[in-house]
Amino acid sequence: MLMRNKSHFQFKQFTVSHARSTMKVGTDTVLLGAWVKVDQAQSVLDIGTGNGTIALMLAQRSLENATIDAVEIEAADATQAEENFQKSPWNGKIQLHHTSIQNFFPKKKYDLIVSNPPYFNNGQRPPDEKRHQARHTISLSYDDLIGATLRLLEDEGKFNVVLPFTEGLHFLDLAKQCGLFCSRRYSFRTRSEKSIERWLLEFSKNPHAEERGEILLYNAGEEWSKEYTALTADFYFRPKVK
């Protein structure tokens, strides 16, 4: 089954150390890294890479000659991500950039942009200021994220995000107003009786027929659904069903 402790997170082909990371490896990150269509992308950008998990997942899944730029504003997270990249099988494929996306001006555009962005616009500030910055849009507003995407995405490229239910609906409206159109929309729930907990969203600069789907974590008890098992098969050790 999945190997996790306070210092690291063990995937099938790589290990993510996250002891010094602002945010630990979580379900949102793994969902997005596994769900994104990356097979034809030559140039990939991960906005707010954190400890580097999504960049590593995309490095594992992408073309051998693909390049991945990972942008991270927080110094401790950038250092942690760089260490994780160097220890991985794909060190030469990923480049870490310690800066904000607002100040990131590469000499190219990207086939694929991904982000597990800050999503709380309001709410009580957590005691850890770095966690507040990572979880709240104070450092990366939706306007800034969409603006950076429009600036850096190829005309035929794709932009993917994971967001909670309410924030995702707001983001969909805002993106459409700015000229980004949803081409894939998947809901995620841990169990069928629960409400939608997350949206996995793919956007492009051109309108497309929208593909819709749903991912359940559990069928019954602690047994993973077939969909979730298949989605994460390249990364997770399948848990034993008791």
C-alpha atoms as a PDB file:
ATOM      1  CA  MET A   1       0.000   0.000   0.000  1.00  0.00           C
ATOM      2  CA  LEU A   2       0.966   3.656  -0.053  1.00  0.00           C
ATOM      3  CA  MET A   3       4.080   4.336   2.009  1.00  0.00           C
ATOM      4  CA  ARG A   4       3.817   7.604   3.902  1.00  0.00           C
ATOM      5  CA  ASN A   5       5.357   9.139   7.012  1.00  0.00           C
ATOM      6  CA  LYS A   6       6.177  12.590   8.322  1.00  0.00           C
ATOM      7  CA  SER A   7       9.436  12.849   6.393  1.00  0.00           C
ATOM      8  CA  HIS A   8       8.653  11.307   3.015  1.00  0.00           C
ATOM      9  CA  PHE A   9       6.047   9.854   0.674  1.00  0.00           C
ATOM     10  CA  GLN A  10       6.942   6.694  -1.245  1.00  0.00           C
ATOM     11  CA  PHE A  11       5.615   6.242  -4.773  1.00  0.00           C
ATOM     12  CA  LYS A  12       6.399   3.276  -7.020  1.00  0.00           C
ATOM     13  CA  GLN A  13       9.208   4.935  -8.957  1.00  0.00           C
ATOM     14  CA  PHE A  14      10.272   7.850  -6.770  1.00  0.00           C
ATOM     15  CA  THR A  15      10.258   9.236  -3.246  1.00  0.00           C
ATOM     16  CA  VAL A  16       9.115  12.715  -2.219  1.00  0.00           C
ATOM     17  CA  SER A  17      10.701  14.145   0.918  1.00  0.00           C
ATOM     18  CA  HIS A  18       8.342  16.699   2.476  1.00  0.00           C
ATOM     19  CA  ALA A  19       9.574  17.209   6.040  1.00  0.00           C
ATOM     20  CA  ARG A  20      10.430  20.859   5.302  1.00  0.00           C
ATOM     21  CA  SER A  21       7.578  21.481   2.881  1.00  0.00           C
ATOM     22  CA  THR A  22       4.823  23.962   3.679  1.00  0.00           C
ATOM     23  CA  MET A  23       2.203  21.485   2.488  1.00  0.00           C
ATOM     24  CA  LYS A  24       2.636  17.701   2.608  1.00  0.00           C
ATOM     25  CA  VAL A  25       1.791  15.345  -0.239  1.00  0.00           C
ATOM     26  CA  GLY A  26      -1.996  15.058  -0.376  1.00  0.00           C
ATOM     27  CA  THR A  27      -4.885  13.668  -2.391  1.00  0.00           C
ATOM     28  CA  ASP A  28      -5.375  16.849  -4.474  1.00  0.00           C
ATOM     29  CA  THR A  29      -1.785  16.713  -5.688  1.00  0.00           C
ATOM     30  CA  VAL A  30      -1.870  13.042  -6.611  1.00  0.00           C
ATOM     31  CA  LEU A  31      -5.245  13.361  -8.328  1.00  0.00           C
ATOM     32  CA  LEU A  32      -4.060  16.162 -10.567  1.00  0.00           C
ATOM     33  CA  GLY A  33      -0.703  14.568 -11.347  1.00  0.00           C
ATOM     34  CA  ALA A  34      -2.393  11.329 -12.400  1.00  0.00           C
ATOM     35  CA  TRP A  35      -5.394  12.860 -14.225  1.00  0.00           C
ATOM     36  CA  VAL A  36      -3.646  15.367 -16.510  1.00  0.00           C
ATOM     37  CA  LYS A  37      -3.217  14.316 -20.141  1.00  0.00           C
ATOM     38  CA  VAL A  38       0.528  14.679 -20.647  1.00  0.00           C
ATOM     39  CA  ASP A  39       1.423  12.099 -23.279  1.00  0.00           C
ATOM     40  CA  GLN A  40       1.908  14.530 -26.204  1.00  0.00           C
ATOM     41  CA  ALA A  41       3.305  17.538 -24.314  1.00  0.00           C
ATOM     42  CA  GLN A  42       6.835  18.650 -25.170  1.00  0.00           C
ATOM     43  CA  SER A  43       7.003  21.592 -22.751  1.00  0.00           C
ATOM     44  CA  VAL A  44       5.322  21.532 -19.315  1.00  0.00           C
ATOM     45  CA  LEU A  45       4.978  24.188 -16.608  1.00  0.00           C
ATOM     46  CA  ASP A  46       4.063  23.398 -12.985  1.00  0.00           C
ATOM     47  CA  ILE A  47       2.916  26.580 -11.205  1.00  0.00           C
ATOM     48  CA  GLY A  48       3.485  26.413  -7.441  1.00  0.00           C
ATOM     49  CA  THR A  49       5.287  23.082  -7.452  1.00  0.00           C
ATOM     50  CA  GLY A  50       5.643  22.916  -3.639  1.00  0.00           C
ATOM     51  CA  ASN A  51       7.732  19.827  -2.879  1.00  0.00           C
ATOM     52  CA  GLY A  52       7.699  18.866  -6.569  1.00  0.00           C
ATOM     53  CA  THR A  53       5.269  15.943  -6.530  1.00  0.00           C
ATOM     54  CA  ILE A  54       3.222  16.935  -9.593  1.00  0.00           C
ATOM     55  CA  ALA A  55       6.336  17.772 -11.614  1.00  0.00           C
ATOM     56  CA  LEU A  56       7.757  14.330 -10.783  1.00  0.00           C
ATOM     57  CA  MET A  57       4.507  12.561 -11.668  1.00  0.00           C
ATOM     58  CA  LEU A  58       4.413  14.348 -15.023  1.00  0.00           C
ATOM     59  CA  ALA A  59       8.094  13.602 -15.609  1.00  0.00           C
ATOM     60  CA  GLN A  60       7.343   9.907 -15.139  1.00  0.00           C
ATOM     61  CA  ARG A  61       4.397   9.997 -17.555  1.00  0.00           C
ATOM     62  CA  SER A  62       5.616  12.393 -20.256  1.00  0.00           C
ATOM     63  CA  LEU A  63       7.662  11.944 -23.427  1.00  0.00           C
ATOM     64  CA  GLU A  64      11.336  11.152 -22.898  1.00  0.00           C
ATOM     65  CA  ASN A  65      12.400  14.430 -24.500  1.00  0.00           C
ATOM     66  CA  ALA A  66       9.796  16.593 -22.760  1.00  0.00           C
ATOM     67  CA  THR A  67      10.984  19.412 -20.490  1.00  0.00           C
ATOM     68  CA  ILE A  68       9.313  20.507 -17.258  1.00  0.00           C
ATOM     69  CA  ASP A  69       9.715  23.894 -15.572  1.00  0.00           C
ATOM     70  CA  ALA A  70       8.625  23.972 -11.916  1.00  0.00           C
ATOM     71  CA  VAL A  71       8.002  27.414 -10.380  1.00  0.00           C
ATOM     72  CA  GLU A  72       7.907  27.921  -6.590  1.00  0.00           C
ATOM     73  CA  ILE A  73       7.914  31.195  -4.628  1.00  0.00           C
ATOM     74  CA  GLU A  74       8.591  29.793  -1.123  1.00  0.00           C
ATOM     75  CA  ALA A  75      12.313  29.249  -0.466  1.00  0.00           C
ATOM     76  CA  ALA A  76      12.005  26.155   1.759  1.00  0.00           C
ATOM     77  CA  ASP A  77       9.670  24.448  -0.691  1.00  0.00           C
ATOM     78  CA  ALA A  78      11.894  25.326  -3.637  1.00  0.00           C
ATOM     79  CA  THR A  79      14.888  23.787  -1.850  1.00  0.00           C
ATOM     80  CA  GLN A  80      12.891  20.670  -0.975  1.00  0.00           C
ATOM     81  CA  ALA A  81      11.634  20.313  -4.544  1.00  0.00           C
ATOM     82  CA  GLU A  82      15.131  20.701  -5.987  1.00  0.00           C
ATOM     83  CA  GLU A  83      16.406  17.955  -3.689  1.00  0.00           C
ATOM     84  CA  ASN A  84      13.540  15.675  -4.744  1.00  0.00           C
ATOM     85  CA  PHE A  85      14.242  16.340  -8.423  1.00  0.00           C
ATOM     86  CA  GLN A  86      17.947  15.588  -8.026  1.00  0.00           C
ATOM     87  CA  LYS A  87      17.243  12.255  -6.341  1.00  0.00           C
ATOM     88  CA  SER A  88      14.660  11.201  -8.952  1.00  0.00           C
ATOM     89  CA  PRO A  89      15.233   9.291 -12.220  1.00  0.00           C
ATOM     90  CA  TRP A  90      14.274  12.461 -14.162  1.00  0.00           C
ATOM     91  CA  ASN A  91      16.664  15.071 -12.767  1.00  0.00           C
ATOM     92  CA  GLY A  92      17.717  16.221 -16.237  1.00  0.00           C
ATOM     93  CA  LYS A  93      14.107  16.663 -17.307  1.00  0.00           C
ATOM     94  CA  ILE A  94      12.941  19.119 -14.616  1.00  0.00           C
ATOM     95  CA  GLN A  95      14.173  22.661 -13.969  1.00  0.00           C
ATOM     96  CA  LEU A  96      13.325  24.430 -10.691  1.00  0.00           C
ATOM     97  CA  HIS A  97      12.693  28.200 -10.745  1.00  0.00           C
ATOM     98  CA  HIS A  98      12.617  29.918  -7.340  1.00  0.00           C
ATOM     99  CA  THR A  99      10.340  32.867  -8.160  1.00  0.00           C
ATOM    100  CA  SER A 100       6.696  33.873  -8.365  1.00  0.00           C
ATOM    101  CA  ILE A 101       4.773  33.089 -11.529  1.00  0.00           C
ATOM    102  CA  GLN A 102       4.077  36.819 -11.804  1.00  0.00           C
ATOM    103  CA  ASN A 103       7.831  37.378 -12.254  1.00  0.00           C
ATOM    104  CA  PHE A 104       8.498  34.325 -14.430  1.00  0.00           C
ATOM    105  CA  PHE A 105       9.230  35.308 -18.041  1.00  0.00           C
ATOM    106  CA  PRO A 106      10.695  32.381 -19.996  1.00  0.00           C
ATOM    107  CA  LYS A 107      11.604  32.640 -23.685  1.00  0.00           C
ATOM    108  CA  LYS A 108       9.027  30.041 -24.649  1.00  0.00           C
ATOM    109  CA  LYS A 109       5.417  29.019 -24.204  1.00  0.00           C
ATOM    110  CA  TYR A 110       4.055  25.710 -22.931  1.00  0.00           C
ATOM    111  CA  ASP A 111       1.989  22.861 -24.357  1.00  0.00           C
ATOM    112  CA  LEU A 112       0.781  22.012 -20.856  1.00  0.00           C
ATOM    113  CA  ILE A 113       0.405  24.074 -17.683  1.00  0.00           C
ATOM    114  CA  VAL A 114      -0.675  22.533 -14.373  1.00  0.00           C
ATOM    115  CA  SER A 115      -1.331  24.015 -10.949  1.00  0.00           C
ATOM    116  CA  ASN A 116      -2.593  22.907  -7.565  1.00  0.00           C
ATOM    117  CA  PRO A 117      -3.175  26.538  -6.579  1.00  0.00           C
ATOM    118  CA  PRO A 118      -4.023  28.325  -3.343  1.00  0.00           C
ATOM    119  CA  TYR A 119      -7.809  28.322  -3.126  1.00  0.00           C
ATOM    120  CA  PHE A 120      -9.116  30.010   0.034  1.00  0.00           C
ATOM    121  CA  ASN A 121     -10.134  33.627  -0.604  1.00  0.00           C
ATOM    122  CA  ASN A 122     -11.439  34.117   2.926  1.00  0.00           C
ATOM    123  CA  GLY A 123     -11.364  32.311   6.227  1.00  0.00           C
ATOM    124  CA  GLN A 124      -9.368  32.257   9.411  1.00  0.00           C
ATOM    125  CA  ARG A 125      -5.635  32.676   9.007  1.00  0.00           C
ATOM    126  CA  PRO A 126      -3.713  29.607  10.178  1.00  0.00           C
ATOM    127  CA  PRO A 127      -0.954  30.199  12.751  1.00  0.00           C
ATOM    128  CA  ASP A 128       1.741  29.204  10.256  1.00  0.00           C
ATOM    129  CA  GLU A 129       2.130  32.113   7.824  1.00  0.00           C
ATOM    130  CA  LYS A 130       3.716  29.925   5.154  1.00  0.00           C
ATOM    131  CA  ARG A 131       0.765  27.529   5.275  1.00  0.00           C
ATOM    132  CA  HIS A 132      -1.535  30.540   4.986  1.00  0.00           C
ATOM    133  CA  GLN A 133       0.312  31.654   1.862  1.00  0.00           C
ATOM    134  CA  ALA A 134       0.198  28.159   0.387  1.00  0.00           C
ATOM    135  CA  ARG A 135      -3.537  27.667   0.997  1.00  0.00           C
ATOM    136  CA  HIS A 136      -4.887  31.201   0.502  1.00  0.00           C
ATOM    137  CA  THR A 137      -4.864  33.312  -2.653  1.00  0.00           C
ATOM    138  CA  ILE A 138      -2.876  36.115  -0.997  1.00  0.00           C
ATOM    139  CA  SER A 139       0.242  35.155  -3.015  1.00  0.00           C
ATOM    140  CA  LEU A 140      -1.493  33.918  -6.183  1.00  0.00           C
ATOM    141  CA  SER A 141      -4.957  35.225  -6.985  1.00  0.00           C
ATOM    142  CA  TYR A 142      -7.154  33.517  -9.546  1.00  0.00           C
ATOM    143  CA  ASP A 143      -6.757  36.598 -11.757  1.00  0.00           C
ATOM    144  CA  ASP A 144      -2.959  36.269 -11.589  1.00  0.00           C
ATOM    145  CA  LEU A 145      -3.081  32.524 -12.281  1.00  0.00           C
ATOM    146  CA  ILE A 146      -5.358  32.967 -15.291  1.00  0.00           C
ATOM    147  CA  GLY A 147      -3.300  35.908 -16.526  1.00  0.00           C
ATOM    148  CA  ALA A 148      -0.072  33.907 -16.308  1.00  0.00           C
ATOM    149  CA  THR A 149      -1.714  31.012 -18.118  1.00  0.00           C
ATOM    150  CA  LEU A 150      -2.904  33.219 -20.981  1.00  0.00           C
ATOM    151  CA  ARG A 151       0.603  34.678 -21.233  1.00  0.00           C
ATOM    152  CA  LEU A 152       2.492  31.377 -21.132  1.00  0.00           C
ATOM    153  CA  LEU A 153       0.179  28.825 -22.797  1.00  0.00           C
ATOM    154  CA  GLU A 154       0.551  27.854 -26.462  1.00  0.00           C
ATOM    155  CA  ASP A 155      -2.525  28.546 -28.585  1.00  0.00           C
ATOM    156  CA  GLU A 156      -3.343  24.818 -28.703  1.00  0.00           C
ATOM    157  CA  GLY A 157      -2.071  24.094 -25.192  1.00  0.00           C
ATOM    158  CA  LYS A 158      -3.957  22.840 -22.127  1.00  0.00           C
ATOM    159  CA  PHE A 159      -4.173  24.231 -18.593  1.00  0.00           C
ATOM    160  CA  ASN A 160      -5.180  21.962 -15.679  1.00  0.00           C
ATOM    161  CA  VAL A 161      -6.110  22.730 -12.068  1.00  0.00           C
ATOM    162  CA  VAL A 162      -7.657  20.999  -9.045  1.00  0.00           C
ATOM    163  CA  LEU A 163     -10.003  23.023  -6.812  1.00  0.00           C
ATOM    164  CA  PRO A 164     -12.672  22.528  -4.125  1.00  0.00           C
ATOM    165  CA  PHE A 165     -16.312  22.531  -5.224  1.00  0.00           C
ATOM    166  CA  THR A 166     -17.329  26.169  -4.635  1.00  0.00           C
ATOM    167  CA  GLU A 167     -13.970  27.645  -5.614  1.00  0.00           C
ATOM    168  CA  GLY A 168     -13.966  25.535  -8.771  1.00  0.00           C
ATOM    169  CA  LEU A 169     -17.313  26.878  -9.924  1.00  0.00           C
ATOM    170  CA  HIS A 170     -16.093  30.432  -9.357  1.00  0.00           C
ATOM    171  CA  PHE A 171     -12.885  29.677 -11.256  1.00  0.00           C
ATOM    172  CA  LEU A 172     -14.848  28.245 -14.193  1.00  0.00           C
ATOM    173  CA  ASP A 173     -16.838  31.472 -14.534  1.00  0.00           C
ATOM    174  CA  LEU A 174     -13.782  33.699 -14.192  1.00  0.00           C
ATOM    175  CA  ALA A 175     -11.733  31.664 -16.673  1.00  0.00           C
ATOM    176  CA  LYS A 176     -14.496  31.814 -19.295  1.00  0.00           C
ATOM    177  CA  GLN A 177     -14.756  35.578 -18.908  1.00  0.00           C
ATOM    178  CA  CYS A 178     -11.007  35.830 -19.567  1.00  0.00           C
ATOM    179  CA  GLY A 179     -10.970  33.541 -22.605  1.00  0.00           C
ATOM    180  CA  LEU A 180     -10.157  30.123 -21.136  1.00  0.00           C
ATOM    181  CA  PHE A 181     -12.721  27.445 -21.926  1.00  0.00           C
ATOM    182  CA  CYS A 182     -13.266  24.217 -20.003  1.00  0.00           C
ATOM    183  CA  SER A 183     -12.613  21.108 -22.116  1.00  0.00           C
ATOM    184  CA  ARG A 184     -12.631  18.474 -19.332  1.00  0.00           C
ATOM    185  CA  ARG A 185     -14.436  18.571 -15.981  1.00  0.00           C
ATOM    186  CA  TYR A 186     -14.278  15.665 -13.530  1.00  0.00           C
ATOM    187  CA  SER A 187     -15.765  15.669 -10.063  1.00  0.00           C
ATOM    188  CA  PHE A 188     -14.140  13.810  -7.177  1.00  0.00           C
ATOM    189  CA  ARG A 189     -15.857  12.355  -4.122  1.00  0.00           C
ATOM    190  CA  THR A 190     -14.495  10.009  -1.502  1.00  0.00           C
ATOM    191  CA  ARG A 191     -17.816   8.122  -1.344  1.00  0.00           C
ATOM    192  CA  SER A 192     -20.968   8.062  -3.456  1.00  0.00           C
ATOM    193  CA  GLU A 193     -23.155   9.451  -0.661  1.00  0.00           C
ATOM    194  CA  LYS A 194     -20.924  12.474  -0.180  1.00  0.00           C
ATOM    195  CA  SER A 195     -21.143  15.791  -2.010  1.00  0.00           C
ATOM    196  CA  ILE A 196     -18.569  16.738  -4.639  1.00  0.00           C
ATOM    197  CA  GLU A 197     -15.327  17.586  -2.851  1.00  0.00           C
ATOM    198  CA  ARG A 198     -13.005  18.540  -5.715  1.00  0.00           C
ATOM    199  CA  TRP A 199     -13.063  19.521  -9.382  1.00  0.00           C
ATOM    200  CA  LEU A 200     -10.377  18.415 -11.817  1.00  0.00           C
ATOM    201  CA  LEU A 201     -10.512  20.990 -14.625  1.00  0.00           C
ATOM    202  CA  GLU A 202      -8.819  21.279 -18.005  1.00  0.00           C
ATOM    203  CA  PHE A 203      -8.947  24.513 -20.041  1.00  0.00           C
ATOM    204  CA  SER A 204      -7.893  25.659 -23.482  1.00  0.00           C
ATOM    205  CA  LYS A 205      -7.885  28.968 -25.347  1.00  0.00           C
ATOM    206  CA  ASN A 206     -10.401  27.609 -27.859  1.00  0.00           C
ATOM    207  CA  PRO A 207     -13.935  26.381 -27.105  1.00  0.00           C
ATOM    208  CA  HIS A 208     -14.345  22.594 -27.175  1.00  0.00           C
ATOM    209  CA  ALA A 209     -17.078  20.132 -26.362  1.00  0.00           C
ATOM    210  CA  GLU A 210     -16.690  19.552 -22.634  1.00  0.00           C
ATOM    211  CA  GLU A 211     -15.830  16.041 -21.469  1.00  0.00           C
ATOM    212  CA  ARG A 212     -17.361  15.245 -18.083  1.00  0.00           C
ATOM    213  CA  GLY A 213     -16.752  12.444 -15.635  1.00  0.00           C
ATOM    214  CA  GLU A 214     -16.513  11.492 -11.986  1.00  0.00           C
ATOM    215  CA  ILE A 215     -13.950   9.743  -9.813  1.00  0.00           C
ATOM    216  CA  LEU A 216     -14.889   7.982  -6.573  1.00  0.00           C
ATOM    217  CA  LEU A 217     -12.212   7.048  -4.080  1.00  0.00           C
ATOM    218  CA  TYR A 218     -14.075   4.200  -2.374  1.00  0.00           C
ATOM    219  CA  ASN A 219     -16.740   1.798  -3.635  1.00  0.00           C
ATOM    220  CA  ALA A 220     -17.557   0.402  -0.198  1.00  0.00           C
ATOM    221  CA  GLY A 221     -15.691   0.264   3.065  1.00  0.00           C
ATOM    222  CA  GLU A 222     -11.999   0.923   2.421  1.00  0.00           C
ATOM    223  CA  GLU A 223     -11.896  -0.645  -1.052  1.00  0.00           C
ATOM    224  CA  TRP A 224     -10.686   1.708  -3.758  1.00  0.00           C
ATOM    225  CA  SER A 225     -12.914   2.104  -6.790  1.00  0.00           C
ATOM    226  CA  LYS A 226     -11.812   0.661 -10.130  1.00  0.00           C
ATOM    227  CA  GLU A 227     -11.547   4.182 -11.551  1.00  0.00           C
ATOM    228  CA  TYR A 228      -9.279   5.473  -8.775  1.00  0.00           C
ATOM    229  CA  THR A 229      -7.187   2.302  -8.804  1.00  0.00           C
ATOM    230  CA  ALA A 230      -6.653   2.592 -12.560  1.00  0.00           C
ATOM    231  CA  LEU A 231      -5.926   6.328 -12.368  1.00  0.00           C
ATOM    232  CA  THR A 232      -3.199   5.940  -9.739  1.00  0.00           C
ATOM    233  CA  ALA A 233      -1.878   2.507 -10.742  1.00  0.00           C
ATOM    234  CA  ASP A 234       1.457   3.865 -12.006  1.00  0.00           C
ATOM    235  CA  PHE A 235       2.126   5.603  -8.683  1.00  0.00           C
ATOM    236  CA  TYR A 236       0.463   3.861  -5.742  1.00  0.00           C
ATOM    237  CA  PHE A 237       1.075   0.439  -4.314  1.00  0.00           C
ATOM    238  CA  ARG A 238      -2.438  -1.004  -4.192  1.00  0.00           C
ATOM    239  CA  PRO A 239      -3.731  -1.108  -0.596  1.00  0.00           C
ATOM    240  CA  LYS A 240      -4.742  -4.401   0.942  1.00  0.00           C
ATOM    241  CA  VAL A 241      -8.485  -4.745   1.552  1.00  0.00           C
ATOM    242  CA  LYS A 242      -9.234  -5.906   5.081  1.00  0.00           C
END
